[in-house]
Amino acid sequence: MRQFGGNKVDRTLVVKGIGKVSVPPDLTVISISITSLSRQYGEAMSASYKQIEDVRAALADVGFIKSDLKTTDFNVCSRYENERDQDGNYRNVFKGFEVNHSFKLEFGFNTDKLNDVLTVLAKCEAHPRLSVEFSVKDKYAVSEELLVSAVEDAAKRAKILAKASNVKLGEILNIDYGRKDLRLVSPTAYRADERCLAAKHTVLDIQPDNVDAADTVTVVWEIM
């Protein structure tokens, strides 16, 4: 790439390239949240610990170990609620200390495994809140493919524009890429009532939709 220092480049062509990929998901991500509430801080923390152990024990029954369950958020706060007193006035009433603990569990996409995990968690005494997403394991490979696709798209557009304008493309003067975190998640949602999950049933052989992603680069060419 040419370095110009303080020289001004008058004749340039600036093109934004768009890269797109669509890949089948090969990763299941289950988000697990538990909440405990007690007027005593110590009791709230103890209850939260017991819930965590219940979740871990349930997952151990289907082949997972302690380190497979990753904490994504931990929060302890005081909960207050508005209540009306005998005079009809509202006031904040302390309800206790609330402990919120969130985790994620990831494993290769497999409907049987997913069914087993959801079933044991639905029967768990901790009654965790669950949500399921489908993603991809090798996010770096997807990001790399997007960049290659975006640069190729920019080059294709630049050639078309140069030909239409009766100019020739020179050297690439600059490539601008504002890297961003890609959310590589399938649009397919998996939902089921807790009572249904806890019952013995045959899971549908679902096939999540592809994970679609897009990214952009801006390329500057010298034109002659």
Protein backbone atom coordinates (compact mmCIF):
# COMPACT_ATOMS: atom_id res chain seq x y z
CA MET A 1 0.00 0.00 0.00
CA ARG A 2 1.40 3.44 -0.92
CA GLN A 3 2.16 5.90 1.88
CA PHE A 4 1.39 9.51 0.91
CA GLY A 5 2.42 11.57 3.90
CA GLY A 6 1.06 15.06 3.31
CA ASN A 7 0.45 14.72 -0.46
CA LYS A 8 -3.11 15.14 -1.61
CA VAL A 9 -4.63 12.55 -3.91
CA ASP A 10 -7.14 14.20 -6.24
CA ARG A 11 -8.32 11.31 -8.42
CA THR A 12 -9.67 8.47 -6.34
CA LEU A 13 -12.50 5.99 -6.40
CA VAL A 14 -14.03 5.05 -3.05
CA VAL A 15 -16.07 1.84 -2.97
CA LYS A 16 -17.78 0.07 -0.09
CA GLY A 17 -17.72 -3.71 -0.40
CA ILE A 18 -20.30 -5.89 1.31
CA GLY A 19 -19.43 -9.41 2.37
CA LYS A 20 -22.11 -11.97 3.14
CA VAL A 21 -22.00 -15.55 4.37
CA SER A 22 -24.64 -18.12 5.25
CA VAL A 23 -23.55 -21.19 7.19
CA PRO A 24 -25.43 -23.99 8.94
CA PRO A 25 -25.25 -23.78 12.75
CA ASP A 26 -23.13 -26.40 14.48
CA LEU A 27 -23.32 -25.07 18.05
CA THR A 28 -26.12 -25.04 20.61
CA VAL A 29 -26.05 -22.31 23.26
CA ILE A 30 -28.39 -22.61 26.25
CA SER A 31 -28.74 -19.56 28.51
CA ILE A 32 -29.63 -20.47 32.09
CA SER A 33 -30.79 -17.98 34.74
CA ILE A 34 -31.64 -18.53 38.39
CA THR A 35 -32.94 -16.09 41.02
CA SER A 36 -33.15 -16.30 44.80
CA LEU A 37 -34.77 -13.84 47.22
CA SER A 38 -34.52 -13.61 50.99
CA ARG A 39 -34.75 -10.88 53.61
CA GLN A 40 -31.38 -12.03 54.92
CA TYR A 41 -28.34 -11.58 52.68
CA GLY A 42 -26.70 -14.80 53.83
CA GLU A 43 -29.85 -16.81 53.20
CA ALA A 44 -30.19 -15.36 49.70
CA MET A 45 -26.60 -16.32 48.88
CA SER A 46 -27.05 -19.81 50.34
CA ALA A 47 -30.22 -20.34 48.32
CA SER A 48 -28.44 -19.22 45.16
CA TYR A 49 -25.56 -21.63 45.86
CA LYS A 50 -28.01 -24.51 46.31
CA GLN A 51 -29.72 -23.63 43.02
CA ILE A 52 -26.37 -23.67 41.23
CA GLU A 53 -25.53 -27.06 42.68
CA ASP A 54 -28.95 -28.39 41.61
CA VAL A 55 -28.33 -27.21 38.04
CA ARG A 56 -24.84 -28.72 37.98
CA ALA A 57 -26.12 -32.03 39.35
CA ALA A 58 -28.85 -32.14 36.69
CA LEU A 59 -26.33 -31.49 33.92
CA ALA A 60 -23.97 -34.11 35.34
CA ASP A 61 -26.70 -36.70 34.72
CA VAL A 62 -26.40 -36.03 30.98
CA GLY A 63 -22.61 -36.00 30.81
CA PHE A 64 -21.51 -32.44 31.58
CA ILE A 65 -18.87 -31.40 34.11
CA LYS A 66 -18.70 -28.35 36.38
CA SER A 67 -16.45 -26.32 34.07
CA ASP A 68 -18.89 -26.71 31.15
CA LEU A 69 -21.27 -24.27 32.84
CA LYS A 70 -19.89 -20.75 32.35
CA THR A 71 -21.05 -17.74 34.38
CA THR A 72 -22.13 -14.83 32.16
CA ASP A 73 -23.60 -12.52 34.81
CA PHE A 74 -23.82 -12.32 38.61
CA ASN A 75 -25.77 -9.63 40.41
CA VAL A 76 -26.91 -9.04 43.98
CA CYS A 77 -29.34 -6.20 44.69
CA SER A 78 -31.95 -5.04 47.19
CA ARG A 79 -35.49 -5.48 45.92
CA TYR A 80 -38.14 -2.91 46.79
CA GLU A 81 -41.78 -2.88 45.72
CA ASN A 82 -44.40 -0.15 45.84
CA GLU A 83 -47.21 -0.94 48.24
CA ARG A 84 -50.23 1.11 49.27
CA ASP A 85 -50.60 1.76 52.98
CA GLN A 86 -53.89 2.08 54.92
CA ASP A 87 -54.12 5.75 53.98
CA GLY A 88 -53.89 4.95 50.27
CA ASN A 89 -50.34 6.26 49.90
CA TYR A 90 -47.65 4.29 48.08
CA ARG A 91 -44.30 3.60 49.68
CA ASN A 92 -41.25 1.53 48.86
CA VAL A 93 -41.16 -1.67 50.89
CA PHE A 94 -37.99 -3.74 51.23
CA LYS A 95 -38.67 -7.30 50.04
CA GLY A 96 -35.25 -8.77 50.47
CA PHE A 97 -31.91 -9.38 48.81
CA GLU A 98 -32.19 -10.74 45.28
CA VAL A 99 -29.40 -12.82 43.77
CA ASN A 100 -29.41 -13.26 39.99
CA HIS A 101 -26.99 -15.71 38.42
CA SER A 102 -26.78 -16.37 34.68
CA PHE A 103 -24.83 -19.06 32.84
CA LYS A 104 -24.35 -20.45 29.39
CA LEU A 105 -23.88 -24.04 28.29
CA GLU A 106 -22.47 -24.78 24.84
CA PHE A 107 -22.25 -28.06 22.96
CA GLY A 108 -22.26 -29.30 19.39
CA PHE A 109 -25.64 -29.19 17.67
CA ASN A 110 -27.50 -32.42 18.36
CA THR A 111 -31.26 -32.60 18.84
CA ASP A 112 -31.09 -35.65 21.13
CA LYS A 113 -28.54 -33.95 23.37
CA LEU A 114 -30.61 -30.78 23.40
CA ASN A 115 -33.70 -32.72 24.41
CA ASP A 116 -31.84 -34.46 27.24
CA VAL A 117 -30.46 -31.19 28.61
CA LEU A 118 -33.78 -29.36 28.52
CA THR A 119 -35.60 -32.29 30.12
CA VAL A 120 -33.25 -32.57 33.12
CA LEU A 121 -33.19 -28.80 33.63
CA ALA A 122 -37.00 -28.63 33.52
CA LYS A 123 -37.14 -31.24 36.30
CA CYS A 124 -34.47 -29.45 38.34
CA GLU A 125 -35.60 -28.08 41.72
CA ALA A 126 -33.91 -24.76 40.95
CA HIS A 127 -36.48 -24.11 38.17
CA PRO A 128 -34.05 -22.15 35.99
CA ARG A 129 -35.21 -19.89 33.18
CA LEU A 130 -33.96 -21.17 29.83
CA SER A 131 -33.43 -19.87 26.32
CA VAL A 132 -31.83 -21.63 23.35
CA GLU A 133 -29.86 -20.26 20.42
CA PHE A 134 -28.00 -21.91 17.56
CA SER A 135 -24.63 -20.54 16.50
CA VAL A 136 -21.30 -21.56 14.95
CA LYS A 137 -18.18 -22.89 16.66
CA ASP A 138 -15.47 -21.32 14.48
CA LYS A 139 -16.43 -17.65 14.56
CA TYR A 140 -12.98 -16.58 13.36
CA ALA A 141 -13.38 -18.60 10.15
CA VAL A 142 -16.74 -16.93 9.47
CA SER A 143 -15.24 -13.48 10.10
CA GLU A 144 -12.34 -14.25 7.75
CA GLU A 145 -14.72 -15.43 5.03
CA LEU A 146 -16.74 -12.23 5.42
CA LEU A 147 -13.69 -10.02 4.95
CA VAL A 148 -12.55 -11.90 1.85
CA SER A 149 -16.05 -11.65 0.43
CA ALA A 150 -16.28 -7.92 1.22
CA VAL A 151 -12.94 -7.08 -0.46
CA GLU A 152 -13.84 -9.17 -3.51
CA ASP A 153 -17.18 -7.36 -3.72
CA ALA A 154 -15.46 -3.97 -3.50
CA ALA A 155 -13.06 -4.93 -6.28
CA LYS A 156 -15.91 -6.11 -8.50
CA ARG A 157 -17.86 -2.89 -7.97
CA ALA A 158 -14.75 -0.78 -8.57
CA LYS A 159 -14.07 -2.46 -11.94
CA ILE A 160 -17.67 -1.88 -13.05
CA LEU A 161 -17.56 1.78 -12.02
CA ALA A 162 -14.17 2.36 -13.60
CA LYS A 163 -15.28 0.82 -16.90
CA ALA A 164 -18.51 2.82 -16.90
CA SER A 165 -16.56 6.03 -16.19
CA ASN A 166 -13.86 5.27 -18.78
CA VAL A 167 -11.03 5.39 -16.23
CA LYS A 168 -8.43 2.86 -15.14
CA LEU A 169 -7.89 1.59 -11.64
CA GLY A 170 -4.49 2.24 -10.12
CA GLU A 171 -3.09 1.14 -6.79
CA ILE A 172 -5.16 0.64 -3.65
CA LEU A 173 -4.53 3.70 -1.48
CA ASN A 174 -6.43 2.71 1.62
CA ILE A 175 -8.64 0.02 3.11
CA ASP A 176 -10.88 1.05 5.96
CA TYR A 177 -12.46 -1.62 8.12
CA GLY A 178 -14.40 -0.67 11.23
CA ARG A 179 -14.30 -4.07 12.92
CA LYS A 180 -17.41 -4.95 14.86
CA ASP A 181 -18.54 -7.85 16.99
CA LEU A 182 -20.61 -10.18 14.86
CA ARG A 183 -23.72 -11.79 16.31
CA LEU A 184 -23.57 -15.20 14.68
CA VAL A 185 -26.94 -16.63 15.67
CA SER A 186 -29.56 -18.52 13.69
CA PRO A 187 -32.98 -16.81 13.49
CA THR A 188 -34.56 -20.11 14.54
CA ALA A 189 -36.06 -19.93 18.04
CA TYR A 190 -36.59 -22.99 20.25
CA ARG A 191 -39.31 -22.58 22.86
CA ALA A 192 -41.27 -25.00 24.99
CA ASP A 193 -43.26 -24.78 28.21
CA GLU A 194 -41.45 -26.08 31.29
CA ARG A 195 -44.21 -28.63 31.97
CA CYS A 196 -43.86 -30.00 28.46
CA LEU A 197 -40.08 -30.27 28.79
CA ALA A 198 -40.34 -32.12 32.10
CA ALA A 199 -42.62 -34.74 30.60
CA LYS A 200 -41.21 -37.74 28.77
CA HIS A 201 -41.67 -37.00 25.09
CA THR A 202 -40.11 -37.35 21.68
CA VAL A 203 -38.44 -34.16 20.50
CA LEU A 204 -39.03 -32.99 16.97
CA ASP A 205 -36.07 -33.40 14.66
CA ILE A 206 -35.62 -29.68 14.10
CA GLN A 207 -33.15 -28.20 11.64
CA PRO A 208 -32.26 -24.60 12.51
CA ASP A 209 -32.04 -22.05 9.73
CA ASN A 210 -28.60 -20.95 8.54
CA VAL A 211 -26.62 -18.30 10.38
CA ASP A 212 -26.51 -15.25 8.10
CA ALA A 213 -23.92 -12.52 8.59
CA ALA A 214 -22.71 -9.45 6.73
CA ASP A 215 -19.78 -7.06 7.05
CA THR A 216 -18.34 -4.15 5.08
CA VAL A 217 -14.99 -2.68 4.06
CA THR A 218 -14.26 0.59 2.28
CA VAL A 219 -11.50 0.53 -0.35
CA VAL A 220 -9.92 3.57 -2.00
CA TRP A 221 -8.32 3.20 -5.44
CA GLU A 222 -6.19 5.65 -7.38
CA ILE A 223 -7.77 6.21 -10.81
CA MET A 224 -6.05 7.22 -14.03
